Protein backbone atom coordinates (compact mmCIF):
# COMPACT_ATOMS: atom_id res chain seq x y z
CA MET A 1 122.93 124.76 107.81
CA ALA A 2 121.46 121.29 107.31
CA ALA A 3 123.89 118.44 106.80
CA LYS A 4 124.10 117.06 103.28
CA PRO A 5 122.26 113.72 102.99
CA LYS A 6 124.46 110.66 102.94
CA LEU A 7 125.12 109.00 99.60
CA PRO A 8 122.68 106.06 100.10
CA ASP A 9 119.82 108.52 100.64
CA ARG A 10 120.93 110.68 97.74
CA ILE A 11 120.95 107.63 95.47
CA VAL A 12 117.37 106.83 96.44
CA ASP A 13 116.25 110.43 95.91
CA ALA A 14 117.96 110.66 92.52
CA ALA A 15 116.43 107.37 91.37
CA LEU A 16 112.96 108.55 92.39
CA ASP A 17 113.43 111.88 90.64
CA ARG A 18 114.48 110.03 87.50
CA ALA A 19 111.47 107.73 87.82
CA GLU A 20 109.15 110.72 87.88
CA GLU A 21 110.43 111.52 84.39
CA VAL A 22 110.72 108.09 82.77
CA GLY A 23 108.94 105.60 85.04
CA TRP A 24 110.52 103.25 87.56
CA SER A 25 111.13 100.36 85.18
CA ALA A 26 113.10 102.65 82.85
CA VAL A 27 115.47 103.95 85.54
CA LYS A 28 119.10 102.98 84.94
CA LEU A 29 121.61 103.21 87.73
CA HIS A 30 124.28 104.63 85.44
CA HIS A 31 121.94 107.60 84.86
CA VAL A 32 121.59 107.96 88.62
CA ALA A 33 125.37 107.91 88.99
CA SER A 34 125.70 110.62 86.32
CA ALA A 35 123.08 112.77 88.01
CA LEU A 36 124.96 112.52 91.31
CA ASP A 37 128.37 112.84 89.64
CA VAL A 38 129.67 109.73 91.39
CA PRO A 39 131.24 106.54 90.01
CA LEU A 40 128.80 103.75 89.24
CA ALA A 41 130.87 101.54 91.55
CA ASP A 42 129.89 103.80 94.46
CA ILE A 43 126.25 102.95 93.89
CA HIS A 44 127.11 99.25 93.80
CA VAL A 45 128.69 99.59 97.24
CA HIS A 46 125.30 100.48 98.70
CA TYR A 47 122.75 98.78 96.42
CA ARG A 48 122.97 95.49 94.56
CA ASP A 49 120.39 96.63 91.96
CA LEU A 50 117.48 98.99 91.35
CA ASP A 51 115.12 96.76 93.33
CA ALA A 52 117.29 97.29 96.40
CA VAL A 53 117.00 101.05 95.87
CA GLY A 54 113.23 100.63 95.88
CA ASP A 55 113.43 98.60 99.09
CA ALA A 56 115.39 101.43 100.71
CA TRP A 57 112.65 103.87 99.72
CA LEU A 58 109.97 101.66 101.33
CA ALA A 59 112.14 101.23 104.42
CA ARG A 60 111.96 104.99 104.99
CA ALA A 61 108.24 104.60 105.58
CA ASP A 62 108.84 101.82 108.11
CA ARG A 63 111.20 104.06 110.08
CA ALA A 64 108.80 107.02 110.00
CA MET A 65 105.96 104.79 111.14
CA LEU A 66 107.96 103.65 114.16
CA GLU A 67 108.81 107.24 115.06
CA ARG A 68 105.07 107.90 115.37
CA HIS A 69 105.09 105.55 118.37
CA ASP A 70 107.18 108.08 120.31
CA ASP A 71 104.92 111.09 119.68
CA ALA A 72 103.44 112.69 122.79
CA GLY A 73 100.07 111.23 123.72
CA PHE A 74 100.22 108.47 121.13
CA LEU A 75 99.97 105.56 123.55
CA SER A 76 96.90 107.08 125.22
CA LEU A 77 94.93 106.68 121.97
CA PRO A 78 92.58 103.71 121.46
CA VAL A 79 94.11 100.82 119.52
CA LYS A 80 92.07 101.62 116.41
CA GLU A 81 93.39 105.20 116.35
CA ARG A 82 96.96 104.04 116.95
CA LEU A 83 96.72 101.71 113.97
CA PHE A 84 95.27 104.47 111.80
CA ALA A 85 98.05 106.86 112.88
CA VAL A 86 100.96 104.52 112.13
CA MET A 87 99.56 103.29 108.83
CA THR A 88 98.81 106.78 107.55
CA ARG A 89 102.30 107.87 108.64
CA TRP A 90 103.68 105.09 106.42
CA LEU A 91 101.65 106.32 103.46
CA ASP A 92 102.34 110.01 104.06
CA THR A 93 106.09 109.41 104.15
CA LEU A 94 105.96 108.14 100.56
CA SER A 95 103.27 110.49 99.28
CA GLY A 96 105.76 112.74 97.47
CA HIS A 97 106.34 109.87 95.03
CA ARG A 98 103.02 108.06 95.36
CA GLN A 99 102.69 106.95 91.75
CA VAL A 100 106.33 105.88 91.53
CA THR A 101 105.85 103.89 94.74
CA GLY A 102 103.00 102.10 93.00
CA GLN A 103 105.31 101.37 90.08
CA ILE A 104 107.94 99.97 92.44
CA LEU A 105 105.41 97.61 93.99
CA ALA A 106 103.97 96.66 90.61
CA THR A 107 107.45 95.81 89.32
CA LYS A 108 107.91 93.43 92.24
CA CYS A 109 104.67 91.67 91.26
CA TYR A 110 105.48 91.48 87.56
CA PRO A 111 105.16 87.88 86.26
CA GLY A 112 108.64 88.07 84.76
CA HIS A 113 110.18 88.77 88.17
CA PRO A 114 109.35 85.67 90.27
CA HIS A 115 112.57 86.14 92.25
CA HIS A 116 110.96 89.25 93.78
CA TYR A 117 107.84 87.48 95.06
CA ILE A 118 109.26 85.84 98.16
CA PRO A 119 111.18 88.96 99.32
CA LEU A 120 107.99 91.00 98.78
CA ILE A 121 106.01 88.60 100.98
CA PHE A 122 108.67 88.69 103.68
CA ASN A 123 108.87 92.49 103.53
CA LEU A 124 105.09 92.77 103.83
CA SER A 125 105.10 90.42 106.80
CA ARG A 126 107.93 92.39 108.41
CA THR A 127 106.10 95.69 107.95
CA VAL A 128 102.95 94.23 109.50
CA GLN A 129 104.99 93.07 112.49
CA TRP A 130 106.34 96.61 112.89
CA ILE A 131 102.80 97.99 112.64
CA ARG A 132 101.90 95.74 115.56
CA GLU A 133 104.96 96.89 117.49
CA ALA A 134 104.29 100.57 116.81
CA ALA A 135 100.64 100.26 117.85
CA GLU A 136 101.64 98.05 120.82
CA LEU A 137 99.42 95.10 119.95
CA ASP A 138 100.58 92.49 122.44
CA ALA A 139 97.95 89.76 122.15
CA PRO A 140 99.34 86.19 122.14
CA GLY A 141 98.19 82.95 120.60
CA VAL A 142 95.17 82.71 118.33
CA ARG A 143 94.27 86.36 118.74
CA ARG A 144 97.70 87.39 117.52
CA SER A 145 97.32 85.18 114.44
CA VAL A 146 93.92 86.70 113.65
CA GLU A 147 95.31 90.21 114.08
CA GLU A 148 98.25 89.46 111.79
CA ILE A 149 96.05 88.07 109.03
CA GLY A 150 93.59 90.94 109.30
CA LEU A 151 96.30 93.60 109.33
CA THR A 152 98.11 92.03 106.39
CA VAL A 153 94.97 92.07 104.24
CA LEU A 154 94.05 95.57 105.41
CA PHE A 155 97.50 97.04 104.88
CA ALA A 156 97.97 95.52 101.43
CA SER A 157 94.52 96.60 100.22
CA THR A 158 95.03 100.10 101.65
CA VAL A 159 98.37 100.53 99.89
CA VAL A 160 96.93 99.39 96.56
CA ARG A 161 94.04 101.85 96.92
CA TRP A 162 96.44 104.63 97.96
CA THR A 163 98.65 104.22 94.88
CA ARG A 164 95.59 104.91 92.71
CA ASP A 165 94.00 107.64 94.83
CA GLY A 166 94.10 111.08 93.23
CA SER A 167 91.87 112.74 95.83
CA ASP A 168 93.20 115.60 97.94
CA ASN A 169 95.54 114.26 100.62
CA GLN A 170 94.37 110.77 99.52
CA ASP A 171 91.21 111.32 101.58
CA ARG A 172 89.41 108.40 99.95
CA THR A 173 92.14 106.07 101.17
CA ARG A 174 91.94 107.54 104.66
CA ARG A 175 88.18 106.98 104.77
CA PHE A 176 88.63 103.43 103.50
CA LEU A 177 91.23 102.67 106.17
CA SER A 178 89.18 104.27 108.94
CA ASN A 179 86.04 102.37 107.94
CA ARG A 180 87.86 99.04 107.76
CA LEU A 181 89.47 99.62 111.15
CA ASP A 182 86.01 100.30 112.59
CA VAL A 183 84.81 96.97 111.18
CA GLY A 184 87.89 95.18 112.50
CA ASP A 185 87.40 96.73 115.92
CA ARG A 186 83.83 95.44 116.10
CA VAL A 187 84.84 91.96 114.92
CA MET A 188 87.63 91.69 117.48
CA ALA A 189 85.29 92.91 120.24
CA ARG A 190 82.86 90.11 119.37
CA LEU A 191 85.54 87.46 119.21
CA TRP A 192 87.28 88.63 122.37
CA PRO A 193 84.82 90.74 124.38
CA PRO A 194 86.39 92.87 127.13
CA PRO A 195 86.15 91.34 130.60
CA PRO A 196 83.27 92.59 132.75
CA SER A 197 84.10 95.42 135.08
CA THR A 198 85.23 94.34 138.55
CA LYS A 199 84.73 97.77 140.11
CA THR A 200 82.29 97.93 143.03
CA ASP A 201 80.00 100.80 143.90
CA ALA A 202 81.29 103.31 146.41
CA GLY A 203 80.50 102.25 149.95
CA GLU A 204 80.37 98.52 149.20
CA ASP A 205 82.50 96.16 151.28
């Protein structure tokens, strides 16, 4: 018998279920407490507000993305395929509440919520760093900076497209991501071409 989820996870799940009915901005934590039959103070122990509940939901995708790194054969894939795998794992983890996830992100960008802007930027930067870690991108210096900028733009644009993608399994988003990774791969190969082979023909001294 599976263990019952811990209260922090149950709070997130209940808030998302409520959001499917009324929309994220209309979710009230006292309704979540009632649905879980727990005191409202118990929710406050774990989450300072609804925005923190949304952050916990997004953090699930970060954890799932990092678990992809440990899958058998993952590190033998080309860099482009590793990036595609970890980024689609992030999206797939949240796909059960795709539209609500879009509402969560839109709420953070709402002009009346400027106090959410800086945390959103930091969270995006942190997720991009974890994408690099999961895909084992180890380049230093200028190349690292170029990779970070490119991945930030790519990840943000992919997520926006994904939140609006009603195609089966979000295939349009997957094609978009794959195509952009192909372009990025070609650009990086031009900027930093691989070193020439140093192998010698058999029989040479």
